[in-house]
Amino acid sequence: MVSGMEYPYEGLLVNETENGFHMVPLNQKGLVLAQKIEKMTADPDKAFFIPKETIDSVTIKNLALLNSKDKRISIKAGDKNYLLIGRKTESTIAYHADNFAKFVEKYSK
């Protein structure tokens, strides 16, 4: 799960395939003081796909100097730049930690 910045949703489920990135927006109802995956619902009608051939770069860095649990992710595709924050672990999503670690390893510089 990643949190979107400056987008009309609170988070994204990101599924990387051999053809690109499939993104499913997540929304949290009510006042959002802290984003919690267990309070979010998927909005598959607003899902979008970023084809591999349009992706110019994927950059992953630590969100802050002393914070290695959260990552800043930038996906540049043509004239769009998707800026995201990814959490290393999500306690309610068992598969997230391993898959996110592989994603970070693949794109970290």
C-alpha atoms as a PDB file:
ATOM      1  CA  MET A   1       0.000   0.000   0.000  1.00  0.00           C
ATOM      2  CA  VAL A   2       1.246   3.424  -0.831  1.00  0.00           C
ATOM      3  CA  SER A   3      -0.133   6.789   0.106  1.00  0.00           C
ATOM      4  CA  GLY A   4      -0.754   9.190  -2.751  1.00  0.00           C
ATOM      5  CA  MET A   5       0.166  12.858  -2.451  1.00  0.00           C
ATOM      6  CA  GLU A   6      -1.846  15.514  -4.280  1.00  0.00           C
ATOM      7  CA  TYR A   7      -4.251  12.922  -5.665  1.00  0.00           C
ATOM      8  CA  PRO A   8      -7.989  12.314  -5.081  1.00  0.00           C
ATOM      9  CA  TYR A   9      -7.388   9.203  -2.985  1.00  0.00           C
ATOM     10  CA  GLU A  10      -5.655   8.269   0.258  1.00  0.00           C
ATOM     11  CA  GLY A  11      -3.656   5.339  -1.060  1.00  0.00           C
ATOM     12  CA  LEU A  12      -2.975   2.987  -3.925  1.00  0.00           C
ATOM     13  CA  LEU A  13      -2.644  -0.734  -4.280  1.00  0.00           C
ATOM     14  CA  VAL A  14       0.193  -1.157  -6.755  1.00  0.00           C
ATOM     15  CA  ASN A  15       0.538  -4.339  -8.775  1.00  0.00           C
ATOM     16  CA  GLU A  16       3.623  -4.508 -10.948  1.00  0.00           C
ATOM     17  CA  THR A  17       3.249  -6.834 -13.917  1.00  0.00           C
ATOM     18  CA  GLU A  18       5.517  -7.565 -16.854  1.00  0.00           C
ATOM     19  CA  ASN A  19       3.443  -5.028 -18.819  1.00  0.00           C
ATOM     20  CA  GLY A  20       3.545  -2.131 -16.331  1.00  0.00           C
ATOM     21  CA  PHE A  21       1.897  -0.893 -13.124  1.00  0.00           C
ATOM     22  CA  HIS A  22      -1.766  -1.464 -12.313  1.00  0.00           C
ATOM     23  CA  MET A  23      -2.939   1.043  -9.686  1.00  0.00           C
ATOM     24  CA  VAL A  24      -6.148   0.707  -7.656  1.00  0.00           C
ATOM     25  CA  PRO A  25      -7.099   3.803  -5.634  1.00  0.00           C
ATOM     26  CA  LEU A  26      -7.970   3.376  -1.956  1.00  0.00           C
ATOM     27  CA  ASN A  27     -10.236   5.771  -0.111  1.00  0.00           C
ATOM     28  CA  GLN A  28     -10.877   6.299   3.567  1.00  0.00           C
ATOM     29  CA  LYS A  29     -14.186   7.827   4.614  1.00  0.00           C
ATOM     30  CA  GLY A  30     -14.499  10.611   7.122  1.00  0.00           C
ATOM     31  CA  LEU A  31     -11.780  12.726   8.643  1.00  0.00           C
ATOM     32  CA  VAL A  32      -8.373  11.261   7.844  1.00  0.00           C
ATOM     33  CA  LEU A  33      -5.945  11.945  10.678  1.00  0.00           C
ATOM     34  CA  ALA A  34      -3.901   8.828  10.014  1.00  0.00           C
ATOM     35  CA  GLN A  35      -4.079   6.606   6.985  1.00  0.00           C
ATOM     36  CA  LYS A  36      -4.868   3.046   7.983  1.00  0.00           C
ATOM     37  CA  ILE A  37      -5.212   0.315   5.397  1.00  0.00           C
ATOM     38  CA  GLU A  38      -7.870  -1.489   7.433  1.00  0.00           C
ATOM     39  CA  LYS A  39     -10.132   1.584   7.136  1.00  0.00           C
ATOM     40  CA  MET A  40      -9.678   1.970   3.380  1.00  0.00           C
ATOM     41  CA  THR A  41     -11.810   0.586   0.585  1.00  0.00           C
ATOM     42  CA  ALA A  42     -10.702  -0.082  -2.965  1.00  0.00           C
ATOM     43  CA  ASP A  43     -12.241   1.888  -5.828  1.00  0.00           C
ATOM     44  CA  PRO A  44     -11.685  -0.447  -8.815  1.00  0.00           C
ATOM     45  CA  ASP A  45     -13.769   1.779 -11.120  1.00  0.00           C
ATOM     46  CA  LYS A  46     -11.004   4.402 -10.873  1.00  0.00           C
ATOM     47  CA  ALA A  47      -8.116   1.960 -11.355  1.00  0.00           C
ATOM     48  CA  PHE A  48      -5.535   2.924 -13.943  1.00  0.00           C
ATOM     49  CA  PHE A  49      -2.626   1.319 -15.730  1.00  0.00           C
ATOM     50  CA  ILE A  50       0.812   2.717 -16.549  1.00  0.00           C
ATOM     51  CA  PRO A  51       2.218   0.723 -19.489  1.00  0.00           C
ATOM     52  CA  LYS A  52       5.840  -0.373 -19.137  1.00  0.00           C
ATOM     53  CA  GLU A  53       6.852   1.302 -22.389  1.00  0.00           C
ATOM     54  CA  THR A  54       5.715   4.715 -21.083  1.00  0.00           C
ATOM     55  CA  ILE A  55       7.669   4.475 -17.799  1.00  0.00           C
ATOM     56  CA  ASP A  56      10.767   6.652 -17.947  1.00  0.00           C
ATOM     57  CA  SER A  57      12.006   5.932 -14.426  1.00  0.00           C
ATOM     58  CA  VAL A  58      11.139   4.542 -11.009  1.00  0.00           C
ATOM     59  CA  THR A  59      13.078   6.015  -8.093  1.00  0.00           C
ATOM     60  CA  ILE A  60      12.877   4.863  -4.478  1.00  0.00           C
ATOM     61  CA  LYS A  61      14.565   6.609  -1.571  1.00  0.00           C
ATOM     62  CA  ASN A  62      14.093   6.833   2.185  1.00  0.00           C
ATOM     63  CA  LEU A  63      11.337   9.275   3.063  1.00  0.00           C
ATOM     64  CA  ALA A  64      13.536  10.974   5.653  1.00  0.00           C
ATOM     65  CA  LEU A  65      17.171  10.723   6.659  1.00  0.00           C
ATOM     66  CA  LEU A  66      16.473   8.706   9.813  1.00  0.00           C
ATOM     67  CA  ASN A  67      13.374   6.884   8.557  1.00  0.00           C
ATOM     68  CA  SER A  68      14.016   3.659   6.651  1.00  0.00           C
ATOM     69  CA  LYS A  69      10.490   2.298   7.256  1.00  0.00           C
ATOM     70  CA  ASP A  70       8.825   4.666   4.793  1.00  0.00           C
ATOM     71  CA  LYS A  71       9.979   5.117   1.216  1.00  0.00           C
ATOM     72  CA  ARG A  72       9.467   7.955  -1.250  1.00  0.00           C
ATOM     73  CA  ILE A  73       8.586   6.506  -4.647  1.00  0.00           C
ATOM     74  CA  SER A  74       8.594   8.474  -7.887  1.00  0.00           C
ATOM     75  CA  ILE A  75       7.234   6.902 -11.070  1.00  0.00           C
ATOM     76  CA  LYS A  76       7.850   9.092 -14.121  1.00  0.00           C
ATOM     77  CA  ALA A  77       5.837   8.236 -17.203  1.00  0.00           C
ATOM     78  CA  GLY A  78       5.818  10.751 -20.017  1.00  0.00           C
ATOM     79  CA  ASP A  79       4.528  14.083 -18.713  1.00  0.00           C
ATOM     80  CA  LYS A  80       3.227  12.556 -15.451  1.00  0.00           C
ATOM     81  CA  ASN A  81       5.120  12.052 -12.216  1.00  0.00           C
ATOM     82  CA  TYR A  82       3.440   9.872  -9.594  1.00  0.00           C
ATOM     83  CA  LEU A  83       4.801  10.713  -6.139  1.00  0.00           C
ATOM     84  CA  LEU A  84       4.028   8.095  -3.530  1.00  0.00           C
ATOM     85  CA  ILE A  85       4.962   7.045  -0.018  1.00  0.00           C
ATOM     86  CA  GLY A  86       5.355   3.330   0.596  1.00  0.00           C
ATOM     87  CA  ARG A  87       5.369   1.702   3.997  1.00  0.00           C
ATOM     88  CA  LYS A  88       7.787  -1.153   4.594  1.00  0.00           C
ATOM     89  CA  THR A  89       5.192  -3.136   6.506  1.00  0.00           C
ATOM     90  CA  GLU A  90       1.409  -3.204   6.726  1.00  0.00           C
ATOM     91  CA  SER A  91       0.328  -5.303   9.697  1.00  0.00           C
ATOM     92  CA  THR A  92      -3.005  -6.268   8.138  1.00  0.00           C
ATOM     93  CA  ILE A  93      -1.539  -7.320   4.764  1.00  0.00           C
ATOM     94  CA  ALA A  94       0.614 -10.407   5.280  1.00  0.00           C
ATOM     95  CA  TYR A  95       2.176 -10.475   1.784  1.00  0.00           C
ATOM     96  CA  HIS A  96       3.090  -6.771   1.706  1.00  0.00           C
ATOM     97  CA  ALA A  97       6.471  -6.835   3.487  1.00  0.00           C
ATOM     98  CA  ASP A  98       8.071  -9.438   1.197  1.00  0.00           C
ATOM     99  CA  ASN A  99       6.661  -7.968  -2.007  1.00  0.00           C
ATOM    100  CA  PHE A 100       7.526  -4.394  -1.043  1.00  0.00           C
ATOM    101  CA  ALA A 101      11.080  -5.459  -0.148  1.00  0.00           C
ATOM    102  CA  LYS A 102      11.478  -6.995  -3.631  1.00  0.00           C
ATOM    103  CA  PHE A 103      10.048  -3.848  -5.239  1.00  0.00           C
ATOM    104  CA  VAL A 104      12.447  -1.618  -3.263  1.00  0.00           C
ATOM    105  CA  GLU A 105      15.425  -3.841  -4.071  1.00  0.00           C
ATOM    106  CA  LYS A 106      14.589  -3.733  -7.770  1.00  0.00           C
ATOM    107  CA  TYR A 107      14.310   0.059  -8.037  1.00  0.00           C
ATOM    108  CA  SER A 108      16.501   1.503  -5.236  1.00  0.00           C
ATOM    109  CA  LYS A 109      19.592   3.380  -6.307  1.00  0.00           C
END
